[in-house]
Amino acid sequence: MTRFVQGADRGQSTLLPECLDDWVADDNPVRVVDAFVAALDLAELGFGGVEPAGTGRPSYHPAALLRLYIHGYLNRGAFEPPARA
């Protein structure tokens, strides 16, 4: 058992569509972010927590958090609250 919080398998079949990967278009920038982060050696870049601790609550893998951070940065306008009039 790994000590990271386990995410859903994107290739796992679901009711509609057949798998989660079908929901994301082939030209969606999230695929570039995913491939970019997967190609990085996070331990060599100095990311902490790449090797999980043996005690305590499982943490999220640093690669998953980096994907979220980059995606949020690229879509920063979508996450800001609406301006007040």
C-alpha atoms as a PDB file:
ATOM      1  CA  MET A   1       0.000   0.000   0.000  1.00  0.00           C
ATOM      2  CA  THR A   2       1.337   3.409  -0.919  1.00  0.00           C
ATOM      3  CA  ARG A   3       1.252   6.314   1.480  1.00  0.00           C
ATOM      4  CA  PHE A   4      -0.300   8.762  -0.982  1.00  0.00           C
ATOM      5  CA  VAL A   5      -3.999   9.505  -1.385  1.00  0.00           C
ATOM      6  CA  GLN A   6      -5.105   7.373  -4.316  1.00  0.00           C
ATOM      7  CA  GLY A   7      -6.883   9.135  -7.177  1.00  0.00           C
ATOM      8  CA  ALA A   8      -9.288   7.588  -9.623  1.00  0.00           C
ATOM      9  CA  ASP A   9      -7.832   5.709 -12.571  1.00  0.00           C
ATOM     10  CA  ARG A  10      -8.571   7.797 -15.659  1.00  0.00           C
ATOM     11  CA  GLY A  11      -8.817   4.655 -17.756  1.00  0.00           C
ATOM     12  CA  GLN A  12     -11.427   3.018 -15.516  1.00  0.00           C
ATOM     13  CA  SER A  13     -14.747   2.416 -17.181  1.00  0.00           C
ATOM     14  CA  THR A  14     -17.701   4.450 -15.949  1.00  0.00           C
ATOM     15  CA  LEU A  15     -21.324   4.634 -16.980  1.00  0.00           C
ATOM     16  CA  LEU A  16     -21.180   7.607 -19.396  1.00  0.00           C
ATOM     17  CA  PRO A  17     -18.824   8.104 -21.214  1.00  0.00           C
ATOM     18  CA  GLU A  18     -16.924   4.831 -21.190  1.00  0.00           C
ATOM     19  CA  CYS A  19     -13.926   6.267 -19.340  1.00  0.00           C
ATOM     20  CA  LEU A  20     -12.935   9.542 -17.724  1.00  0.00           C
ATOM     21  CA  ASP A  21     -10.312  10.192 -20.395  1.00  0.00           C
ATOM     22  CA  ASP A  22     -13.142  10.512 -22.959  1.00  0.00           C
ATOM     23  CA  TRP A  23     -14.381  13.675 -21.213  1.00  0.00           C
ATOM     24  CA  VAL A  24     -11.177  15.562 -22.035  1.00  0.00           C
ATOM     25  CA  ALA A  25     -10.659  16.652 -25.633  1.00  0.00           C
ATOM     26  CA  ASP A  26      -7.430  15.626 -27.342  1.00  0.00           C
ATOM     27  CA  ASP A  27      -6.404  19.269 -27.794  1.00  0.00           C
ATOM     28  CA  ASN A  28      -7.180  20.317 -24.198  1.00  0.00           C
ATOM     29  CA  PRO A  29      -4.195  22.035 -22.487  1.00  0.00           C
ATOM     30  CA  VAL A  30      -4.648  19.803 -19.441  1.00  0.00           C
ATOM     31  CA  ARG A  31      -3.091  16.978 -21.471  1.00  0.00           C
ATOM     32  CA  VAL A  32       0.056  19.073 -21.999  1.00  0.00           C
ATOM     33  CA  VAL A  33       0.224  19.862 -18.282  1.00  0.00           C
ATOM     34  CA  ASP A  34      -0.188  16.172 -17.443  1.00  0.00           C
ATOM     35  CA  ALA A  35       2.570  15.095 -19.864  1.00  0.00           C
ATOM     36  CA  PHE A  36       4.878  17.907 -18.694  1.00  0.00           C
ATOM     37  CA  VAL A  37       4.575  17.055 -15.000  1.00  0.00           C
ATOM     38  CA  ALA A  38       4.895  13.321 -15.712  1.00  0.00           C
ATOM     39  CA  ALA A  39       8.232  13.990 -17.449  1.00  0.00           C
ATOM     40  CA  LEU A  40       9.683  15.882 -14.462  1.00  0.00           C
ATOM     41  CA  ASP A  41      11.899  14.300 -11.828  1.00  0.00           C
ATOM     42  CA  LEU A  42      10.333  16.022  -8.834  1.00  0.00           C
ATOM     43  CA  ALA A  43      12.864  14.675  -6.333  1.00  0.00           C
ATOM     44  CA  GLU A  44      15.728  16.075  -8.388  1.00  0.00           C
ATOM     45  CA  LEU A  45      13.947  19.435  -8.570  1.00  0.00           C
ATOM     46  CA  GLY A  46      13.767  19.582  -4.781  1.00  0.00           C
ATOM     47  CA  PHE A  47      10.095  18.827  -4.206  1.00  0.00           C
ATOM     48  CA  GLY A  48       9.503  17.518  -0.698  1.00  0.00           C
ATOM     49  CA  GLY A  49       7.255  14.571  -0.026  1.00  0.00           C
ATOM     50  CA  VAL A  50       8.105  12.617  -3.171  1.00  0.00           C
ATOM     51  CA  GLU A  51       8.952   9.718  -0.876  1.00  0.00           C
ATOM     52  CA  PRO A  52       5.933   9.305   1.416  1.00  0.00           C
ATOM     53  CA  ALA A  53       6.238   9.231   5.197  1.00  0.00           C
ATOM     54  CA  GLY A  54       5.467   5.962   6.900  1.00  0.00           C
ATOM     55  CA  THR A  55       3.213   7.501   9.531  1.00  0.00           C
ATOM     56  CA  GLY A  56       0.267   9.855   9.657  1.00  0.00           C
ATOM     57  CA  ARG A  57      -2.440  10.513   7.127  1.00  0.00           C
ATOM     58  CA  PRO A  58      -1.489   9.811   3.502  1.00  0.00           C
ATOM     59  CA  SER A  59      -0.631  12.968   1.613  1.00  0.00           C
ATOM     60  CA  TYR A  60      -1.362  13.948  -1.963  1.00  0.00           C
ATOM     61  CA  HIS A  61       1.457  13.201  -4.379  1.00  0.00           C
ATOM     62  CA  PRO A  62       3.436  16.349  -5.230  1.00  0.00           C
ATOM     63  CA  ALA A  63       2.887  15.675  -8.963  1.00  0.00           C
ATOM     64  CA  ALA A  64      -0.894  15.833  -8.485  1.00  0.00           C
ATOM     65  CA  LEU A  65      -0.594  19.116  -6.584  1.00  0.00           C
ATOM     66  CA  LEU A  66       1.744  20.565  -9.214  1.00  0.00           C
ATOM     67  CA  ARG A  67      -0.727  19.641 -11.974  1.00  0.00           C
ATOM     68  CA  LEU A  68      -3.483  21.475 -10.091  1.00  0.00           C
ATOM     69  CA  TYR A  69      -1.255  24.503  -9.492  1.00  0.00           C
ATOM     70  CA  ILE A  70      -0.233  24.804 -13.151  1.00  0.00           C
ATOM     71  CA  HIS A  71      -3.799  24.266 -14.356  1.00  0.00           C
ATOM     72  CA  GLY A  72      -5.042  26.944 -11.950  1.00  0.00           C
ATOM     73  CA  TYR A  73      -2.329  29.350 -13.105  1.00  0.00           C
ATOM     74  CA  LEU A  74      -3.208  28.823 -16.764  1.00  0.00           C
ATOM     75  CA  ASN A  75      -6.921  29.344 -16.008  1.00  0.00           C
ATOM     76  CA  ARG A  76      -6.573  32.020 -13.336  1.00  0.00           C
ATOM     77  CA  GLY A  77      -9.574  33.976 -14.613  1.00  0.00           C
ATOM     78  CA  ALA A  78     -11.916  31.018 -14.143  1.00  0.00           C
ATOM     79  CA  PHE A  79     -11.200  30.754 -10.419  1.00  0.00           C
ATOM     80  CA  GLU A  80     -11.545  34.406  -9.437  1.00  0.00           C
ATOM     81  CA  PRO A  81     -14.799  35.516  -7.831  1.00  0.00           C
ATOM     82  CA  PRO A  82     -16.968  37.840  -9.929  1.00  0.00           C
ATOM     83  CA  ALA A  83     -16.231  41.547  -9.552  1.00  0.00           C
ATOM     84  CA  ARG A  84     -18.615  43.543  -7.398  1.00  0.00           C
ATOM     85  CA  ALA A  85     -20.494  46.364  -9.058  1.00  0.00           C
END
